[in-house]
Amino acid sequence: RSNEAPSRLLTMSAWQHVIRILPTSIAGAASTACVVFAFRERWMFIGVQGRSMEPTFHHGDFLFVDKRLRFDSDVGDAVVFRSPLNPRELHVKRILGKEGDVVSVRAKRRLTSETDRKQLIARGSVWLEGDNFDVSSDSSRYGAVNEALIEG
């Protein structure tokens, strides 16, 4: 029985230590959760897939995106947006026109008799195209994109 007392003392001491550091650990975890939440609300880290933005961005590049800039994007800016064809997918394209602008829609197939046409961009929309015109699936395929789909 004399052997039980010291181990019981060690156990109580260990619990006292846990009780002492628990509030600090909970506060640390809560602080970390707040930082992660704030980070996710403001920033996005995404990987580039495909060749549509070459030579600016290449397949496998990673982009650190400020979500606040979705409200400040202008013609010439590259943006991350939700695909109008599949909102679960994020894409990167360049803004070529904003509401009220008239853009020239180029024919994707070079060997057809299809000519360029003009497109007036509707209110609340943007015209997005990839820098690598020949391989980009963009507004020339699916039309102007609602600004609400821009993520940053």
C-alpha atoms as a PDB file:
ATOM      1  CA  ARG A   1       0.000   0.000   0.000  1.00  0.00           C
ATOM      2  CA  SER A   2       2.864   2.392   0.488  1.00  0.00           C
ATOM      3  CA  ASN A   3       3.515   2.181  -3.252  1.00  0.00           C
ATOM      4  CA  GLU A   4      -0.006   3.421  -4.084  1.00  0.00           C
ATOM      5  CA  ALA A   5       0.236   6.741  -2.294  1.00  0.00           C
ATOM      6  CA  PRO A   6       3.078   8.204  -4.384  1.00  0.00           C
ATOM      7  CA  SER A   7       1.441   7.226  -7.695  1.00  0.00           C
ATOM      8  CA  ARG A   8      -1.840   8.704  -6.506  1.00  0.00           C
ATOM      9  CA  LEU A   9      -0.036  11.931  -5.654  1.00  0.00           C
ATOM     10  CA  LEU A  10       1.509  11.994  -9.118  1.00  0.00           C
ATOM     11  CA  THR A  11      -1.902  11.467 -10.671  1.00  0.00           C
ATOM     12  CA  MET A  12      -3.424  14.313  -8.671  1.00  0.00           C
ATOM     13  CA  SER A  13      -0.483  16.514  -9.575  1.00  0.00           C
ATOM     14  CA  ALA A  14      -0.931  15.690 -13.269  1.00  0.00           C
ATOM     15  CA  TRP A  15      -4.652  16.552 -13.102  1.00  0.00           C
ATOM     16  CA  GLN A  16      -3.889  19.780 -11.283  1.00  0.00           C
ATOM     17  CA  HIS A  17      -1.449  20.649 -14.076  1.00  0.00           C
ATOM     18  CA  VAL A  18      -4.077  19.890 -16.734  1.00  0.00           C
ATOM     19  CA  ILE A  19      -6.663  21.983 -14.897  1.00  0.00           C
ATOM     20  CA  ARG A  20      -4.170  24.838 -14.660  1.00  0.00           C
ATOM     21  CA  ILE A  21      -3.261  24.854 -18.379  1.00  0.00           C
ATOM     22  CA  LEU A  22      -6.710  24.006 -19.753  1.00  0.00           C
ATOM     23  CA  PRO A  23      -8.021  27.609 -19.792  1.00  0.00           C
ATOM     24  CA  THR A  24      -4.858  28.728 -21.598  1.00  0.00           C
ATOM     25  CA  SER A  25      -5.223  25.911 -24.125  1.00  0.00           C
ATOM     26  CA  ILE A  26      -8.897  26.707 -24.721  1.00  0.00           C
ATOM     27  CA  ALA A  27      -8.108  30.393 -25.140  1.00  0.00           C
ATOM     28  CA  GLY A  28      -5.298  29.522 -27.557  1.00  0.00           C
ATOM     29  CA  ALA A  29      -7.560  27.233 -29.569  1.00  0.00           C
ATOM     30  CA  ALA A  30     -10.300  29.875 -29.684  1.00  0.00           C
ATOM     31  CA  SER A  31      -7.797  32.521 -30.811  1.00  0.00           C
ATOM     32  CA  THR A  32      -6.478  30.199 -33.509  1.00  0.00           C
ATOM     33  CA  ALA A  33     -10.031  29.461 -34.693  1.00  0.00           C
ATOM     34  CA  CYS A  34     -10.755  33.209 -34.902  1.00  0.00           C
ATOM     35  CA  VAL A  35      -7.587  33.831 -36.907  1.00  0.00           C
ATOM     36  CA  VAL A  36      -8.368  30.936 -39.280  1.00  0.00           C
ATOM     37  CA  PHE A  37     -11.944  32.176 -39.731  1.00  0.00           C
ATOM     38  CA  ALA A  38     -10.787  35.748 -40.380  1.00  0.00           C
ATOM     39  CA  PHE A  39      -8.160  34.472 -42.818  1.00  0.00           C
ATOM     40  CA  ARG A  40     -10.736  32.394 -44.736  1.00  0.00           C
ATOM     41  CA  GLU A  41     -13.132  35.344 -44.887  1.00  0.00           C
ATOM     42  CA  ARG A  42     -10.495  37.636 -46.392  1.00  0.00           C
ATOM     43  CA  TRP A  43      -8.012  35.408 -48.230  1.00  0.00           C
ATOM     44  CA  MET A  44      -8.085  32.454 -50.593  1.00  0.00           C
ATOM     45  CA  PHE A  45      -5.232  30.193 -51.683  1.00  0.00           C
ATOM     46  CA  ILE A  46      -5.913  28.345 -54.951  1.00  0.00           C
ATOM     47  CA  GLY A  47      -4.016  26.317 -57.501  1.00  0.00           C
ATOM     48  CA  VAL A  48      -4.127  27.132 -61.212  1.00  0.00           C
ATOM     49  CA  GLN A  49      -5.405  24.291 -63.377  1.00  0.00           C
ATOM     50  CA  GLY A  50      -4.999  24.238 -67.125  1.00  0.00           C
ATOM     51  CA  ARG A  51      -3.321  26.501 -69.663  1.00  0.00           C
ATOM     52  CA  SER A  52      -6.008  29.154 -70.211  1.00  0.00           C
ATOM     53  CA  MET A  53      -4.075  31.931 -68.429  1.00  0.00           C
ATOM     54  CA  GLU A  54      -0.625  31.270 -69.917  1.00  0.00           C
ATOM     55  CA  PRO A  55       1.778  33.019 -70.101  1.00  0.00           C
ATOM     56  CA  THR A  56       0.634  34.944 -66.997  1.00  0.00           C
ATOM     57  CA  PHE A  57      -0.167  31.910 -64.832  1.00  0.00           C
ATOM     58  CA  HIS A  58       0.830  28.313 -65.497  1.00  0.00           C
ATOM     59  CA  HIS A  59      -0.745  24.995 -64.556  1.00  0.00           C
ATOM     60  CA  GLY A  60       0.405  24.197 -61.016  1.00  0.00           C
ATOM     61  CA  ASP A  61       0.974  27.832 -59.961  1.00  0.00           C
ATOM     62  CA  PHE A  62      -0.616  28.868 -56.672  1.00  0.00           C
ATOM     63  CA  LEU A  63      -2.396  32.170 -56.174  1.00  0.00           C
ATOM     64  CA  PHE A  64      -2.921  34.010 -52.898  1.00  0.00           C
ATOM     65  CA  VAL A  65      -6.141  35.973 -53.477  1.00  0.00           C
ATOM     66  CA  ASP A  66      -7.541  38.897 -51.474  1.00  0.00           C
ATOM     67  CA  LYS A  67     -11.327  38.418 -51.471  1.00  0.00           C
ATOM     68  CA  ARG A  68     -11.937  42.110 -50.732  1.00  0.00           C
ATOM     69  CA  LEU A  69     -10.701  42.996 -54.211  1.00  0.00           C
ATOM     70  CA  ARG A  70     -13.759  41.398 -55.813  1.00  0.00           C
ATOM     71  CA  PHE A  71     -15.489  44.725 -55.208  1.00  0.00           C
ATOM     72  CA  ASP A  72     -12.638  46.722 -56.745  1.00  0.00           C
ATOM     73  CA  SER A  73     -11.873  44.678 -59.860  1.00  0.00           C
ATOM     74  CA  ASP A  74     -11.435  46.568 -63.100  1.00  0.00           C
ATOM     75  CA  VAL A  75     -10.799  45.877 -66.774  1.00  0.00           C
ATOM     76  CA  GLY A  76      -7.403  44.199 -67.128  1.00  0.00           C
ATOM     77  CA  ASP A  77      -7.459  42.543 -63.686  1.00  0.00           C
ATOM     78  CA  ALA A  78      -7.197  38.780 -63.341  1.00  0.00           C
ATOM     79  CA  VAL A  79      -9.931  37.456 -61.042  1.00  0.00           C
ATOM     80  CA  VAL A  80     -10.991  34.204 -59.413  1.00  0.00           C
ATOM     81  CA  PHE A  81     -14.664  33.392 -59.961  1.00  0.00           C
ATOM     82  CA  ARG A  82     -17.177  30.580 -59.684  1.00  0.00           C
ATOM     83  CA  SER A  83     -17.885  28.958 -63.016  1.00  0.00           C
ATOM     84  CA  PRO A  84     -21.354  29.873 -64.326  1.00  0.00           C
ATOM     85  CA  LEU A  85     -21.548  26.315 -65.705  1.00  0.00           C
ATOM     86  CA  ASN A  86     -20.541  24.610 -62.436  1.00  0.00           C
ATOM     87  CA  PRO A  87     -20.522  26.885 -59.348  1.00  0.00           C
ATOM     88  CA  ARG A  88     -18.436  24.342 -57.396  1.00  0.00           C
ATOM     89  CA  GLU A  89     -15.476  25.100 -59.679  1.00  0.00           C
ATOM     90  CA  LEU A  90     -13.212  28.132 -59.331  1.00  0.00           C
ATOM     91  CA  HIS A  91     -11.601  29.620 -62.451  1.00  0.00           C
ATOM     92  CA  VAL A  92      -9.072  32.355 -63.140  1.00  0.00           C
ATOM     93  CA  LYS A  93      -9.659  34.740 -66.058  1.00  0.00           C
ATOM     94  CA  ARG A  94      -9.041  38.368 -66.983  1.00  0.00           C
ATOM     95  CA  ILE A  95     -11.746  41.058 -67.049  1.00  0.00           C
ATOM     96  CA  LEU A  96     -12.026  42.416 -70.595  1.00  0.00           C
ATOM     97  CA  GLY A  97     -15.195  44.442 -70.059  1.00  0.00           C
ATOM     98  CA  LYS A  98     -17.654  45.614 -67.418  1.00  0.00           C
ATOM     99  CA  GLU A  99     -21.310  46.614 -67.525  1.00  0.00           C
ATOM    100  CA  GLY A 100     -22.075  49.054 -70.318  1.00  0.00           C
ATOM    101  CA  ASP A 101     -18.920  48.164 -72.279  1.00  0.00           C
ATOM    102  CA  VAL A 102     -19.092  46.701 -75.766  1.00  0.00           C
ATOM    103  CA  VAL A 103     -16.634  43.866 -76.373  1.00  0.00           C
ATOM    104  CA  SER A 104     -15.636  42.139 -79.558  1.00  0.00           C
ATOM    105  CA  VAL A 105     -16.333  38.412 -79.307  1.00  0.00           C
ATOM    106  CA  ARG A 106     -13.725  36.567 -81.340  1.00  0.00           C
ATOM    107  CA  ALA A 107     -14.500  33.294 -83.052  1.00  0.00           C
ATOM    108  CA  LYS A 108     -12.778  30.413 -81.232  1.00  0.00           C
ATOM    109  CA  ARG A 109     -12.355  28.338 -84.376  1.00  0.00           C
ATOM    110  CA  ARG A 110      -9.903  29.929 -86.770  1.00  0.00           C
ATOM    111  CA  LEU A 111     -10.950  27.812 -89.762  1.00  0.00           C
ATOM    112  CA  THR A 112     -14.605  28.824 -89.875  1.00  0.00           C
ATOM    113  CA  SER A 113     -16.285  31.682 -91.651  1.00  0.00           C
ATOM    114  CA  GLU A 114     -17.620  32.911 -88.302  1.00  0.00           C
ATOM    115  CA  THR A 115     -16.765  36.574 -87.833  1.00  0.00           C
ATOM    116  CA  ASP A 116     -16.297  38.637 -84.727  1.00  0.00           C
ATOM    117  CA  ARG A 117     -19.472  40.027 -83.219  1.00  0.00           C
ATOM    118  CA  LYS A 118     -20.116  42.843 -80.753  1.00  0.00           C
ATOM    119  CA  GLN A 119     -21.584  42.191 -77.312  1.00  0.00           C
ATOM    120  CA  LEU A 120     -22.990  44.803 -74.929  1.00  0.00           C
ATOM    121  CA  ILE A 121     -22.275  43.775 -71.342  1.00  0.00           C
ATOM    122  CA  ALA A 122     -25.385  43.831 -69.170  1.00  0.00           C
ATOM    123  CA  ARG A 123     -25.689  45.565 -65.808  1.00  0.00           C
ATOM    124  CA  GLY A 124     -23.982  43.658 -62.970  1.00  0.00           C
ATOM    125  CA  SER A 125     -21.930  41.536 -65.364  1.00  0.00           C
ATOM    126  CA  VAL A 126     -18.330  41.273 -66.565  1.00  0.00           C
ATOM    127  CA  TRP A 127     -16.721  39.779 -69.659  1.00  0.00           C
ATOM    128  CA  LEU A 128     -13.981  37.293 -68.723  1.00  0.00           C
ATOM    129  CA  GLU A 129     -11.424  35.680 -71.031  1.00  0.00           C
ATOM    130  CA  GLY A 130      -8.260  33.678 -70.565  1.00  0.00           C
ATOM    131  CA  ASP A 131      -4.926  35.062 -71.732  1.00  0.00           C
ATOM    132  CA  ASN A 132      -4.354  31.941 -73.858  1.00  0.00           C
ATOM    133  CA  PHE A 133      -7.263  32.500 -76.238  1.00  0.00           C
ATOM    134  CA  ASP A 134      -6.987  29.227 -78.171  1.00  0.00           C
ATOM    135  CA  VAL A 135      -7.495  26.947 -75.140  1.00  0.00           C
ATOM    136  CA  SER A 136      -9.638  29.104 -72.854  1.00  0.00           C
ATOM    137  CA  SER A 137     -13.246  28.312 -72.024  1.00  0.00           C
ATOM    138  CA  ASP A 138     -14.581  31.719 -71.054  1.00  0.00           C
ATOM    139  CA  SER A 139     -17.182  34.410 -71.770  1.00  0.00           C
ATOM    140  CA  SER A 140     -16.740  33.885 -75.508  1.00  0.00           C
ATOM    141  CA  ARG A 141     -18.318  30.470 -74.839  1.00  0.00           C
ATOM    142  CA  TYR A 142     -20.824  31.129 -72.045  1.00  0.00           C
ATOM    143  CA  GLY A 143     -21.406  34.884 -72.201  1.00  0.00           C
ATOM    144  CA  ALA A 144     -21.001  37.617 -69.628  1.00  0.00           C
ATOM    145  CA  VAL A 145     -20.612  36.510 -66.017  1.00  0.00           C
ATOM    146  CA  ASN A 146     -22.569  37.914 -63.086  1.00  0.00           C
ATOM    147  CA  GLU A 147     -20.261  39.988 -60.843  1.00  0.00           C
ATOM    148  CA  ALA A 148     -21.612  38.087 -57.824  1.00  0.00           C
ATOM    149  CA  LEU A 149     -19.633  35.031 -58.997  1.00  0.00           C
ATOM    150  CA  ILE A 150     -16.318  36.844 -58.547  1.00  0.00           C
ATOM    151  CA  GLU A 151     -14.541  35.607 -55.424  1.00  0.00           C
ATOM    152  CA  GLY A 152     -11.472  37.832 -55.494  1.00  0.00           C
END
